[in-house]
C-alpha cells in the first residue's frame, strides 16, 4: 500500500518562502519520478513540477519556473517543494504524486494520469 503524506503548508505573505515535504512509503521510492500538483478553489488541479527518480532532472510549469524548486532525499523517502517569492495566485492545496511507472524521465510528465498515487494535500495560502 503506497502512502504519500504532505506537510509544511500554511499561511504566508506575498514574497515569502515555504517548503513542502512529502513522506512516501509502501514501495521503492527511489525508482519513481515524483510530481507536485496544486488545486485552487474553483479550478482544476494543475501541474507544478516533477523530479526524476534519482533527483537529477526536474521540470516545472511556466507559472512557477524560477521561483520553485524540487528535490528529493531517496534515503529518507522524502520529496520536497521549495517555494520562493510566493504570490497570492499560488494559493492552493498542494499534492504530491508518484509516477505510475518506474524509472521514467521528467519529460511529458505533466498530466495527472501519469501518476497513480496521491497524497491528501496540504493547504498553502498566500496573502497580499
Protein backbone atom coordinates (compact mmCIF):
# COMPACT_ATOMS: atom_id res chain seq x y z
CA UNK A 1 0.00 0.00 0.00
CA UNK A 2 1.67 3.20 -1.19
CA UNK A 3 1.15 6.16 1.09
CA UNK A 4 2.12 9.76 0.48
CA UNK A 5 1.75 12.43 3.13
CA UNK A 6 2.37 16.11 2.53
CA UNK A 7 3.28 18.59 5.24
CA UNK A 8 4.56 22.11 5.58
CA UNK A 9 1.65 24.14 4.26
CA UNK A 10 0.44 27.28 5.94
CA UNK A 11 -0.41 30.95 5.70
CA UNK A 12 2.34 33.23 4.41
CA UNK A 13 2.64 36.69 2.94
CA UNK A 14 3.44 37.52 -0.65
CA UNK A 15 7.16 37.33 -1.24
CA UNK A 16 7.74 34.76 1.49
CA UNK A 17 9.17 31.28 1.07
CA UNK A 18 7.79 27.94 2.13
CA UNK A 19 8.99 24.36 1.87
CA UNK A 20 6.60 21.47 1.50
CA UNK A 21 7.55 17.89 2.25
CA UNK A 22 6.06 14.63 1.08
CA UNK A 23 6.85 11.46 3.01
CA UNK A 24 6.46 8.28 1.00
CA UNK A 25 6.09 4.65 1.99
CA UNK A 26 4.93 1.38 0.51
CA UNK A 27 7.20 0.92 -2.50
CA UNK A 28 10.73 1.66 -3.60
CA UNK A 29 10.65 5.44 -3.58
CA UNK A 30 13.94 5.79 -5.44
CA UNK A 31 12.59 4.07 -8.56
CA UNK A 32 9.79 6.53 -9.29
CA UNK A 33 9.59 10.08 -10.54
CA UNK A 34 7.60 12.30 -8.20
CA UNK A 35 5.38 15.20 -9.06
CA UNK A 36 3.74 18.16 -7.38
CA UNK A 37 0.31 19.41 -8.36
CA UNK A 38 -1.98 22.06 -6.93
CA UNK A 39 -5.64 22.90 -6.96
CA UNK A 40 -7.05 26.32 -6.23
CA UNK A 41 -10.71 26.82 -5.24
CA UNK A 42 -12.96 26.53 -8.26
CA UNK A 43 -10.14 25.47 -10.55
CA UNK A 44 -8.89 22.20 -11.92
CA UNK A 45 -5.82 20.54 -10.49
CA UNK A 46 -2.71 21.74 -12.29
CA UNK A 47 0.83 20.52 -12.68
CA UNK A 48 3.52 22.31 -10.68
CA UNK A 49 6.65 20.27 -11.27
CA UNK A 50 8.24 16.84 -11.42
CA UNK A 51 11.59 15.35 -10.49
CA UNK A 52 13.05 12.17 -11.91
CA UNK A 53 13.68 9.08 -9.83
CA UNK A 54 17.29 9.89 -8.94
CA UNK A 55 16.82 13.62 -8.41
CA UNK A 56 18.95 14.75 -11.32
CA UNK A 57 16.36 16.43 -13.51
CA UNK A 58 13.25 18.47 -12.83
CA UNK A 59 10.67 20.22 -14.94
CA UNK A 60 8.26 22.96 -13.89
CA UNK A 61 5.15 24.72 -15.03
CA UNK A 62 5.80 28.12 -16.55
CA UNK A 63 3.85 29.76 -13.74
CA UNK A 64 6.39 28.67 -11.12
CA UNK A 65 9.59 28.36 -13.13
CA UNK A 66 12.42 30.28 -11.50
CA UNK A 67 10.58 30.51 -8.16
CA UNK A 68 10.00 26.88 -7.18
CA UNK A 69 12.44 24.00 -6.96
CA UNK A 70 12.02 20.30 -6.27
CA UNK A 71 14.40 17.96 -4.53
CA UNK A 72 14.28 14.52 -3.04
CA UNK A 73 16.12 12.51 -0.44
CA UNK A 74 15.85 8.90 -1.52
CA UNK A 75 17.48 7.72 1.70
CA UNK A 76 14.65 9.33 3.65
CA UNK A 77 11.88 8.56 1.13
CA UNK A 78 11.01 12.23 1.12
CA UNK A 79 10.18 14.73 -1.60
CA UNK A 80 10.43 18.49 -1.20
CA UNK A 81 8.98 21.53 -2.90
CA UNK A 82 10.82 24.78 -2.17
CA UNK A 83 8.63 27.75 -2.99
CA UNK A 84 10.15 31.22 -3.13
CA UNK A 85 8.72 34.63 -3.98
CA UNK A 86 5.23 33.36 -3.31
CA UNK A 87 2.30 35.16 -4.89
CA UNK A 88 -1.38 35.21 -3.93
CA UNK A 89 -2.11 33.19 -7.07
CA UNK A 90 -0.02 30.37 -5.61
CA UNK A 91 -2.76 29.82 -3.06
CA UNK A 92 -3.97 26.25 -3.44
CA UNK A 93 -3.97 22.79 -1.98
CA UNK A 94 -0.68 21.17 -2.96
CA UNK A 95 -0.44 17.46 -3.69
CA UNK A 96 2.49 15.17 -4.22
CA UNK A 97 2.11 12.21 -6.55
CA UNK A 98 4.11 9.15 -7.52
CA UNK A 99 4.64 8.22 -11.16
CA UNK A 100 2.72 5.24 -12.47
CA UNK A 101 5.78 3.56 -13.98
CA UNK A 102 9.30 3.20 -12.57
CA UNK A 103 12.43 4.86 -13.92
CA UNK A 104 10.64 7.42 -16.09
CA UNK A 105 12.15 10.72 -17.12
CA UNK A 106 10.52 14.06 -16.36
CA UNK A 107 9.57 14.88 -19.92
CA UNK A 108 5.86 14.95 -20.73
CA UNK A 109 5.02 14.10 -17.14
CA UNK A 110 2.64 17.00 -16.61
CA UNK A 111 -0.60 15.04 -16.86
CA UNK A 112 -2.18 13.70 -13.71
CA UNK A 113 -2.92 10.42 -15.48
CA UNK A 114 0.80 9.62 -15.38
CA UNK A 115 0.62 9.30 -11.59
CA UNK A 116 -1.10 6.55 -9.67
CA UNK A 117 -0.73 7.52 -6.03
CA UNK A 118 -1.54 10.83 -4.41
CA UNK A 119 -1.23 12.43 -1.03
CA UNK A 120 -4.10 14.05 0.80
CA UNK A 121 -2.82 17.56 0.12
CA UNK A 122 -1.61 20.47 2.20
CA UNK A 123 -3.07 23.97 2.07
CA UNK A 124 -0.87 26.91 1.10
CA UNK A 125 -2.39 30.36 1.45
CA UNK A 126 -0.52 33.46 0.31
CA UNK A 127 -1.88 36.78 1.46
CA UNK A 128 -1.24 40.01 -0.42
